[in-house]
mmCIF file of all heavy atoms, coordinates in Angstrom:
data_MODEL
# 
_entry.id   MODEL 
# 
loop_
_atom_site.group_PDB 
_atom_site.id 
_atom_site.type_symbol 
_atom_site.label_atom_id 
_atom_site.label_alt_id 
_atom_site.label_comp_id 
_atom_site.label_asym_id 
_atom_site.label_entity_id 
_atom_site.label_seq_id 
_atom_site.pdbx_PDB_ins_code 
_atom_site.Cartn_x 
_atom_site.Cartn_y 
_atom_site.Cartn_z 
_atom_site.occupancy 
_atom_site.B_iso_or_equiv 
_atom_site.pdbx_formal_charge 
_atom_site.auth_seq_id 
_atom_site.auth_comp_id 
_atom_site.auth_asym_id 
_atom_site.auth_atom_id 
_atom_site.pdbx_PDB_model_num 
ATOM 1   N N   . ASP A 1 1  ? -13.488 -2.744  -2.248  1.00 0.00 ? 1  ASP A N   1 
ATOM 2   C CA  . ASP A 1 1  ? -14.897 -2.355  -2.261  1.00 0.00 ? 1  ASP A CA  1 
ATOM 3   C C   . ASP A 1 1  ? -15.477 -2.573  -0.874  1.00 0.00 ? 1  ASP A C   1 
ATOM 4   O O   . ASP A 1 1  ? -15.036 -3.472  -0.147  1.00 0.00 ? 1  ASP A O   1 
ATOM 5   C CB  . ASP A 1 1  ? -15.675 -3.182  -3.287  1.00 0.00 ? 1  ASP A CB  1 
ATOM 6   C CG  . ASP A 1 1  ? -16.932 -2.478  -3.768  1.00 0.00 ? 1  ASP A CG  1 
ATOM 7   O OD1 . ASP A 1 1  ? -17.844 -2.253  -2.941  1.00 0.00 ? 1  ASP A OD1 1 
ATOM 8   O OD2 . ASP A 1 1  ? -17.018 -2.150  -4.966  1.00 0.00 ? 1  ASP A OD2 1 
ATOM 9   N N   . VAL A 1 2  ? -16.493 -1.784  -0.519  1.00 0.00 ? 2  VAL A N   1 
ATOM 10  C CA  . VAL A 1 2  ? -17.210 -2.018  0.726   1.00 0.00 ? 2  VAL A CA  1 
ATOM 11  C C   . VAL A 1 2  ? -18.140 -3.210  0.581   1.00 0.00 ? 2  VAL A C   1 
ATOM 12  O O   . VAL A 1 2  ? -18.501 -3.860  1.557   1.00 0.00 ? 2  VAL A O   1 
ATOM 13  C CB  . VAL A 1 2  ? -17.993 -0.753  1.145   1.00 0.00 ? 2  VAL A CB  1 
ATOM 14  C CG1 . VAL A 1 2  ? -19.142 -0.465  0.176   1.00 0.00 ? 2  VAL A CG1 1 
ATOM 15  C CG2 . VAL A 1 2  ? -18.478 -0.844  2.582   1.00 0.00 ? 2  VAL A CG2 1 
ATOM 16  N N   . GLY A 1 3  ? -18.531 -3.517  -0.662  1.00 0.00 ? 3  GLY A N   1 
ATOM 17  C CA  . GLY A 1 3  ? -19.325 -4.700  -0.952  1.00 0.00 ? 3  GLY A CA  1 
ATOM 18  C C   . GLY A 1 3  ? -18.442 -5.878  -1.300  1.00 0.00 ? 3  GLY A C   1 
ATOM 19  O O   . GLY A 1 3  ? -17.226 -5.858  -1.061  1.00 0.00 ? 3  GLY A O   1 
ATOM 20  N N   . ASP A 1 4  ? -19.034 -6.881  -1.900  1.00 0.00 ? 4  ASP A N   1 
ATOM 21  C CA  . ASP A 1 4  ? -18.323 -8.126  -2.173  1.00 0.00 ? 4  ASP A CA  1 
ATOM 22  C C   . ASP A 1 4  ? -17.720 -8.123  -3.577  1.00 0.00 ? 4  ASP A C   1 
ATOM 23  O O   . ASP A 1 4  ? -18.419 -8.364  -4.560  1.00 0.00 ? 4  ASP A O   1 
ATOM 24  C CB  . ASP A 1 4  ? -19.269 -9.315  -2.009  1.00 0.00 ? 4  ASP A CB  1 
ATOM 25  C CG  . ASP A 1 4  ? -18.536 -10.649 -2.098  1.00 0.00 ? 4  ASP A CG  1 
ATOM 26  O OD1 . ASP A 1 4  ? -17.290 -10.643 -2.170  1.00 0.00 ? 4  ASP A OD1 1 
ATOM 27  O OD2 . ASP A 1 4  ? -19.213 -11.696 -2.097  1.00 0.00 ? 4  ASP A OD2 1 
ATOM 28  N N   . ALA A 1 5  ? -16.435 -7.867  -3.667  1.00 0.00 ? 5  ALA A N   1 
ATOM 29  C CA  . ALA A 1 5  ? -15.731 -7.915  -4.948  1.00 0.00 ? 5  ALA A CA  1 
ATOM 30  C C   . ALA A 1 5  ? -15.045 -9.255  -5.172  1.00 0.00 ? 5  ALA A C   1 
ATOM 31  O O   . ALA A 1 5  ? -14.300 -9.408  -6.139  1.00 0.00 ? 5  ALA A O   1 
ATOM 32  C CB  . ALA A 1 5  ? -14.703 -6.785  -5.040  1.00 0.00 ? 5  ALA A CB  1 
ATOM 33  N N   . ALA A 1 6  ? -15.287 -10.222 -4.272  1.00 0.00 ? 6  ALA A N   1 
ATOM 34  C CA  . ALA A 1 6  ? -14.666 -11.535 -4.431  1.00 0.00 ? 6  ALA A CA  1 
ATOM 35  C C   . ALA A 1 6  ? -15.051 -12.210 -5.745  1.00 0.00 ? 6  ALA A C   1 
ATOM 36  O O   . ALA A 1 6  ? -14.189 -12.817 -6.405  1.00 0.00 ? 6  ALA A O   1 
ATOM 37  C CB  . ALA A 1 6  ? -15.007 -12.431 -3.250  1.00 0.00 ? 6  ALA A CB  1 
ATOM 38  N N   . PRO A 1 7  ? -16.326 -12.137 -6.191  1.00 0.00 ? 7  PRO A N   1 
ATOM 39  C CA  . PRO A 1 7  ? -16.649 -12.752 -7.489  1.00 0.00 ? 7  PRO A CA  1 
ATOM 40  C C   . PRO A 1 7  ? -15.858 -12.151 -8.647  1.00 0.00 ? 7  PRO A C   1 
ATOM 41  O O   . PRO A 1 7  ? -15.453 -12.878 -9.564  1.00 0.00 ? 7  PRO A O   1 
ATOM 42  C CB  . PRO A 1 7  ? -18.153 -12.483 -7.635  1.00 0.00 ? 7  PRO A CB  1 
ATOM 43  C CG  . PRO A 1 7  ? -18.647 -12.373 -6.236  1.00 0.00 ? 7  PRO A CG  1 
ATOM 44  C CD  . PRO A 1 7  ? -17.543 -11.700 -5.490  1.00 0.00 ? 7  PRO A CD  1 
ATOM 45  N N   . ALA A 1 8  ? -15.634 -10.846 -8.618  1.00 0.00 ? 8  ALA A N   1 
ATOM 46  C CA  . ALA A 1 8  ? -14.833 -10.223 -9.669  1.00 0.00 ? 8  ALA A CA  1 
ATOM 47  C C   . ALA A 1 8  ? -13.382 -10.698 -9.596  1.00 0.00 ? 8  ALA A C   1 
ATOM 48  O O   . ALA A 1 8  ? -12.746 -10.964 -10.625 1.00 0.00 ? 8  ALA A O   1 
ATOM 49  C CB  . ALA A 1 8  ? -14.896 -8.702  -9.561  1.00 0.00 ? 8  ALA A CB  1 
ATOM 50  N N   . ALA A 1 9  ? -12.847 -10.809 -8.380  1.00 0.00 ? 9  ALA A N   1 
ATOM 51  C CA  . ALA A 1 9  ? -11.484 -11.325 -8.218  1.00 0.00 ? 9  ALA A CA  1 
ATOM 52  C C   . ALA A 1 9  ? -11.396 -12.772 -8.693  1.00 0.00 ? 9  ALA A C   1 
ATOM 53  O O   . ALA A 1 9  ? -10.414 -13.176 -9.325  1.00 0.00 ? 9  ALA A O   1 
ATOM 54  C CB  . ALA A 1 9  ? -11.047 -11.217 -6.757  1.00 0.00 ? 9  ALA A CB  1 
ATOM 55  N N   . ASP A 1 10 ? -12.444 -13.557 -8.405  1.00 0.00 ? 10 ASP A N   1 
ATOM 56  C CA  . ASP A 1 10 ? -12.469 -14.946 -8.871  1.00 0.00 ? 10 ASP A CA  1 
ATOM 57  C C   . ASP A 1 10 ? -12.500 -15.019 -10.391 1.00 0.00 ? 10 ASP A C   1 
ATOM 58  O O   . ASP A 1 10 ? -11.875 -15.899 -10.992 1.00 0.00 ? 10 ASP A O   1 
ATOM 59  C CB  . ASP A 1 10 ? -13.690 -15.662 -8.295  1.00 0.00 ? 10 ASP A CB  1 
ATOM 60  C CG  . ASP A 1 10 ? -13.588 -15.883 -6.793  1.00 0.00 ? 10 ASP A CG  1 
ATOM 61  O OD1 . ASP A 1 10 ? -12.467 -15.789 -6.259  1.00 0.00 ? 10 ASP A OD1 1 
ATOM 62  O OD2 . ASP A 1 10 ? -14.636 -16.138 -6.170  1.00 0.00 ? 10 ASP A OD2 1 
ATOM 63  N N   . SER A 1 11 ? -13.236 -14.094 -11.028 1.00 0.00 ? 11 SER A N   1 
ATOM 64  C CA  . SER A 1 11 ? -13.291 -14.072 -12.491 1.00 0.00 ? 11 SER A CA  1 
ATOM 65  C C   . SER A 1 11 ? -11.908 -13.824 -13.079 1.00 0.00 ? 11 SER A C   1 
ATOM 66  O O   . SER A 1 11 ? -11.527 -14.429 -14.089 1.00 0.00 ? 11 SER A O   1 
ATOM 67  C CB  . SER A 1 11 ? -14.266 -12.994 -12.967 1.00 0.00 ? 11 SER A CB  1 
ATOM 68  O OG  . SER A 1 11 ? -15.591 -13.297 -12.583 1.00 0.00 ? 11 SER A OG  1 
ATOM 69  N N   . ILE A 1 12 ? -11.154 -12.932 -12.453 1.00 0.00 ? 12 ILE A N   1 
ATOM 70  C CA  . ILE A 1 12 ? -9.795  -12.669 -12.915 1.00 0.00 ? 12 ILE A CA  1 
ATOM 71  C C   . ILE A 1 12 ? -8.933  -13.919 -12.757 1.00 0.00 ? 12 ILE A C   1 
ATOM 72  O O   . ILE A 1 12 ? -8.179  -14.289 -13.664 1.00 0.00 ? 12 ILE A O   1 
ATOM 73  C CB  . ILE A 1 12 ? -9.199  -11.480 -12.141 1.00 0.00 ? 12 ILE A CB  1 
ATOM 74  C CG1 . ILE A 1 12 ? -9.891  -10.172 -12.570 1.00 0.00 ? 12 ILE A CG1 1 
ATOM 75  C CG2 . ILE A 1 12 ? -7.685  -11.380 -12.356 1.00 0.00 ? 12 ILE A CG2 1 
ATOM 76  C CD1 . ILE A 1 12 ? -9.488  -8.962  -11.769 1.00 0.00 ? 12 ILE A CD1 1 
ATOM 77  N N   . ALA A 1 13 ? -9.050  -14.577 -11.605 1.00 0.00 ? 13 ALA A N   1 
ATOM 78  C CA  . ALA A 1 13 ? -8.257  -15.789 -11.369 1.00 0.00 ? 13 ALA A CA  1 
ATOM 79  C C   . ALA A 1 13 ? -8.611  -16.883 -12.375 1.00 0.00 ? 13 ALA A C   1 
ATOM 80  O O   . ALA A 1 13 ? -7.724  -17.602 -12.866 1.00 0.00 ? 13 ALA A O   1 
ATOM 81  C CB  . ALA A 1 13 ? -8.482  -16.282 -9.943  1.00 0.00 ? 13 ALA A CB  1 
ATOM 82  N N   . GLU A 1 14 ? -9.902  -16.996 -12.699 1.00 0.00 ? 14 GLU A N   1 
ATOM 83  C CA  . GLU A 1 14 ? -10.331 -18.015 -13.665 1.00 0.00 ? 14 GLU A CA  1 
ATOM 84  C C   . GLU A 1 14 ? -9.749  -17.769 -15.057 1.00 0.00 ? 14 GLU A C   1 
ATOM 85  O O   . GLU A 1 14 ? -9.563  -18.710 -15.836 1.00 0.00 ? 14 GLU A O   1 
ATOM 86  C CB  . GLU A 1 14 ? -11.862 -18.047 -13.738 1.00 0.00 ? 14 GLU A CB  1 
ATOM 87  C CG  . GLU A 1 14 ? -12.514 -18.634 -12.491 1.00 0.00 ? 14 GLU A CG  1 
ATOM 88  C CD  . GLU A 1 14 ? -14.000 -18.383 -12.451 1.00 0.00 ? 14 GLU A CD  1 
ATOM 89  O OE1 . GLU A 1 14 ? -14.538 -17.839 -13.453 1.00 0.00 ? 14 GLU A OE1 1 
ATOM 90  O OE2 . GLU A 1 14 ? -14.643 -18.723 -11.433 1.00 0.00 ? 14 GLU A OE2 1 
ATOM 91  N N   . LEU A 1 15 ? -9.467  -16.513 -15.352 1.00 0.00 ? 15 LEU A N   1 
ATOM 92  C CA  . LEU A 1 15 ? -8.868  -16.163 -16.636 1.00 0.00 ? 15 LEU A CA  1 
ATOM 93  C C   . LEU A 1 15 ? -7.344  -16.216 -16.590 1.00 0.00 ? 15 LEU A C   1 
ATOM 94  O O   . LEU A 1 15 ? -6.673  -15.847 -17.560 1.00 0.00 ? 15 LEU A O   1 
ATOM 95  C CB  . LEU A 1 15 ? -9.324  -14.756 -17.057 1.00 0.00 ? 15 LEU A CB  1 
ATOM 96  C CG  . LEU A 1 15 ? -10.825 -14.624 -17.366 1.00 0.00 ? 15 LEU A CG  1 
ATOM 97  C CD1 . LEU A 1 15 ? -11.196 -13.151 -17.548 1.00 0.00 ? 15 LEU A CD1 1 
ATOM 98  C CD2 . LEU A 1 15 ? -11.186 -15.425 -18.612 1.00 0.00 ? 15 LEU A CD2 1 
ATOM 99  N N   . GLY A 1 16 ? -6.800  -16.672 -15.471 1.00 0.00 ? 16 GLY A N   1 
ATOM 100 C CA  . GLY A 1 16 ? -5.357  -16.812 -15.345 1.00 0.00 ? 16 GLY A CA  1 
ATOM 101 C C   . GLY A 1 16 ? -4.654  -15.614 -14.765 1.00 0.00 ? 16 GLY A C   1 
ATOM 102 O O   . GLY A 1 16 ? -3.416  -15.563 -14.735 1.00 0.00 ? 16 GLY A O   1 
ATOM 103 N N   . GLY A 1 17 ? -5.412  -14.631 -14.267 1.00 0.00 ? 17 GLY A N   1 
ATOM 104 C CA  . GLY A 1 17 ? -4.802  -13.442 -13.689 1.00 0.00 ? 17 GLY A CA  1 
ATOM 105 C C   . GLY A 1 17 ? -4.565  -13.572 -12.199 1.00 0.00 ? 17 GLY A C   1 
ATOM 106 O O   . GLY A 1 17 ? -4.950  -14.553 -11.564 1.00 0.00 ? 17 GLY A O   1 
ATOM 107 N N   . ASP A 1 18 ? -3.951  -12.548 -11.641 1.00 0.00 ? 18 ASP A N   1 
ATOM 108 C CA  . ASP A 1 18 ? -3.597  -12.510 -10.223 1.00 0.00 ? 18 ASP A CA  1 
ATOM 109 C C   . ASP A 1 18 ? -4.410  -11.403 -9.576  1.00 0.00 ? 18 ASP A C   1 
ATOM 110 O O   . ASP A 1 18 ? -4.334  -10.241 -10.004 1.00 0.00 ? 18 ASP A O   1 
ATOM 111 C CB  . ASP A 1 18 ? -2.102  -12.244 -10.087 1.00 0.00 ? 18 ASP A CB  1 
ATOM 112 C CG  . ASP A 1 18 ? -1.601  -12.501 -8.670  1.00 0.00 ? 18 ASP A CG  1 
ATOM 113 O OD1 . ASP A 1 18 ? -2.314  -13.159 -7.893  1.00 0.00 ? 18 ASP A OD1 1 
ATOM 114 O OD2 . ASP A 1 18 ? -0.487  -12.037 -8.355  1.00 0.00 ? 18 ASP A OD2 1 
ATOM 115 N N   . ALA A 1 19 ? -5.208  -11.731 -8.558  1.00 0.00 ? 19 ALA A N   1 
ATOM 116 C CA  . ALA A 1 19 ? -6.092  -10.738 -7.960  1.00 0.00 ? 19 ALA A CA  1 
ATOM 117 C C   . ALA A 1 19 ? -6.313  -11.017 -6.489  1.00 0.00 ? 19 ALA A C   1 
ATOM 118 O O   . ALA A 1 19 ? -6.200  -12.154 -6.023  1.00 0.00 ? 19 ALA A O   1 
ATOM 119 C CB  . ALA A 1 19 ? -7.443  -10.712 -8.692  1.00 0.00 ? 19 ALA A CB  1 
ATOM 120 N N   . ILE A 1 20 ? -6.658  -9.956  -5.758  1.00 0.00 ? 20 ILE A N   1 
ATOM 121 C CA  . ILE A 1 20 ? -7.000  -10.059 -4.348  1.00 0.00 ? 20 ILE A CA  1 
ATOM 122 C C   . ILE A 1 20 ? -8.151  -9.101  -4.083  1.00 0.00 ? 20 ILE A C   1 
ATOM 123 O O   . ILE A 1 20 ? -8.229  -8.019  -4.676  1.00 0.00 ? 20 ILE A O   1 
ATOM 124 C CB  . ILE A 1 20 ? -5.790  -9.731  -3.439  1.00 0.00 ? 20 ILE A CB  1 
ATOM 125 C CG1 . ILE A 1 20 ? -6.136  -9.972  -1.975  1.00 0.00 ? 20 ILE A CG1 1 
ATOM 126 C CG2 . ILE A 1 20 ? -5.322  -8.292  -3.653  1.00 0.00 ? 20 ILE A CG2 1 
ATOM 127 C CD1 . ILE A 1 20 ? -4.950  -9.793  -1.032  1.00 0.00 ? 20 ILE A CD1 1 
ATOM 128 N N   . PHE A 1 21 ? -9.057  -9.498  -3.191  1.00 0.00 ? 21 PHE A N   1 
ATOM 129 C CA  . PHE A 1 21 ? -10.169 -8.646  -2.783  1.00 0.00 ? 21 PHE A CA  1 
ATOM 130 C C   . PHE A 1 21 ? -9.849  -8.026  -1.432  1.00 0.00 ? 21 PHE A C   1 
ATOM 131 O O   . PHE A 1 21 ? -9.523  -8.728  -0.476  1.00 0.00 ? 21 PHE A O   1 
ATOM 132 C CB  . PHE A 1 21 ? -11.454 -9.473  -2.716  1.00 0.00 ? 21 PHE A CB  1 
ATOM 133 C CG  . PHE A 1 21 ? -12.592 -8.813  -1.976  1.00 0.00 ? 21 PHE A CG  1 
ATOM 134 C CD1 . PHE A 1 21 ? -12.868 -7.456  -2.121  1.00 0.00 ? 21 PHE A CD1 1 
ATOM 135 C CD2 . PHE A 1 21 ? -13.403 -9.563  -1.127  1.00 0.00 ? 21 PHE A CD2 1 
ATOM 136 C CE1 . PHE A 1 21 ? -13.917 -6.856  -1.433  1.00 0.00 ? 21 PHE A CE1 1 
ATOM 137 C CE2 . PHE A 1 21 ? -14.465 -8.978  -0.449  1.00 0.00 ? 21 PHE A CE2 1 
ATOM 138 C CZ  . PHE A 1 21 ? -14.720 -7.627  -0.597  1.00 0.00 ? 21 PHE A CZ  1 
ATOM 139 N N   . LEU A 1 22 ? -9.954  -6.702  -1.349  1.00 0.00 ? 22 LEU A N   1 
ATOM 140 C CA  . LEU A 1 22 ? -9.752  -5.965  -0.112  1.00 0.00 ? 22 LEU A CA  1 
ATOM 141 C C   . LEU A 1 22 ? -11.066 -5.280  0.252   1.00 0.00 ? 22 LEU A C   1 
ATOM 142 O O   . LEU A 1 22 ? -11.550 -4.430  -0.501  1.00 0.00 ? 22 LEU A O   1 
ATOM 143 C CB  . LEU A 1 22 ? -8.655  -4.903  -0.281  1.00 0.00 ? 22 LEU A CB  1 
ATOM 144 C CG  . LEU A 1 22 ? -7.299  -5.388  -0.781  1.00 0.00 ? 22 LEU A CG  1 
ATOM 145 C CD1 . LEU A 1 22 ? -6.393  -4.200  -1.074  1.00 0.00 ? 22 LEU A CD1 1 
ATOM 146 C CD2 . LEU A 1 22 ? -6.655  -6.325  0.231   1.00 0.00 ? 22 LEU A CD2 1 
ATOM 147 N N   . ARG A 1 23 ? -11.648 -5.636  1.386   1.00 0.00 ? 23 ARG A N   1 
ATOM 148 C CA  . ARG A 1 23 ? -12.914 -5.016  1.784   1.00 0.00 ? 23 ARG A CA  1 
ATOM 149 C C   . ARG A 1 23 ? -12.633 -3.766  2.626   1.00 0.00 ? 23 ARG A C   1 
ATOM 150 O O   . ARG A 1 23 ? -11.948 -3.842  3.656   1.00 0.00 ? 23 ARG A O   1 
ATOM 151 C CB  . ARG A 1 23 ? -13.775 -5.982  2.581   1.00 0.00 ? 23 ARG A CB  1 
ATOM 152 C CG  . ARG A 1 23 ? -15.207 -5.455  2.805   1.00 0.00 ? 23 ARG A CG  1 
ATOM 153 C CD  . ARG A 1 23 ? -16.005 -6.367  3.711   1.00 0.00 ? 23 ARG A CD  1 
ATOM 154 N NE  . ARG A 1 23 ? -16.253 -7.670  3.138   1.00 0.00 ? 23 ARG A NE  1 
ATOM 155 C CZ  . ARG A 1 23 ? -17.264 -7.972  2.317   1.00 0.00 ? 23 ARG A CZ  1 
ATOM 156 N NH1 . ARG A 1 23 ? -18.100 -7.026  1.947   1.00 0.00 ? 23 ARG A NH1 1 
ATOM 157 N NH2 . ARG A 1 23 ? -17.419 -9.199  1.863   1.00 0.00 ? 23 ARG A NH2 1 
ATOM 158 N N   . ALA A 1 24 ? -13.155 -2.641  2.187   1.00 0.00 ? 24 ALA A N   1 
ATOM 159 C CA  . ALA A 1 24 ? -12.973 -1.404  2.942   1.00 0.00 ? 24 ALA A CA  1 
ATOM 160 C C   . ALA A 1 24 ? -14.002 -0.381  2.500   1.00 0.00 ? 24 ALA A C   1 
ATOM 161 O O   . ALA A 1 24 ? -14.415 -0.342  1.341   1.00 0.00 ? 24 ALA A O   1 
ATOM 162 C CB  . ALA A 1 24 ? -11.562 -0.843  2.745   1.00 0.00 ? 24 ALA A CB  1 
ATOM 163 N N   . ASP A 1 25 ? -14.402 0.452   3.445   1.00 0.00 ? 25 ASP A N   1 
ATOM 164 C CA  . ASP A 1 25 ? -15.246 1.609   3.185   1.00 0.00 ? 25 ASP A CA  1 
ATOM 165 C C   . ASP A 1 25 ? -14.305 2.801   3.015   1.00 0.00 ? 25 ASP A C   1 
ATOM 166 O O   . ASP A 1 25 ? -13.611 3.182   3.964   1.00 0.00 ? 25 ASP A O   1 
ATOM 167 C CB  . ASP A 1 25 ? -16.188 1.824   4.373   1.00 0.00 ? 25 ASP A CB  1 
ATOM 168 C CG  . ASP A 1 25 ? -17.173 2.962   4.156   1.00 0.00 ? 25 ASP A CG  1 
ATOM 169 O OD1 . ASP A 1 25 ? -16.897 3.845   3.329   1.00 0.00 ? 25 ASP A OD1 1 
ATOM 170 O OD2 . ASP A 1 25 ? -18.215 2.970   4.839   1.00 0.00 ? 25 ASP A OD2 1 
ATOM 171 N N   . VAL A 1 26 ? -14.274 3.391   1.823   1.00 0.00 ? 26 VAL A N   1 
ATOM 172 C CA  . VAL A 1 26 ? -13.289 4.446   1.561   1.00 0.00 ? 26 VAL A CA  1 
ATOM 173 C C   . VAL A 1 26 ? -13.564 5.705   2.362   1.00 0.00 ? 26 VAL A C   1 
ATOM 174 O O   . VAL A 1 26 ? -12.707 6.604   2.418   1.00 0.00 ? 26 VAL A O   1 
ATOM 175 C CB  . VAL A 1 26 ? -13.209 4.778   0.054   1.00 0.00 ? 26 VAL A CB  1 
ATOM 176 C CG1 . VAL A 1 26 ? -12.717 3.579   -0.742  1.00 0.00 ? 26 VAL A CG1 1 
ATOM 177 C CG2 . VAL A 1 26 ? -14.552 5.283   -0.486  1.00 0.00 ? 26 VAL A CG2 1 
# 
């Protein structure tokens, strides 16, 4: 996302998932 998707990635991690946030303007 061009914005901050880190909170969404953190939510996945808190649920036991594997996630990474990549910042980019498509």
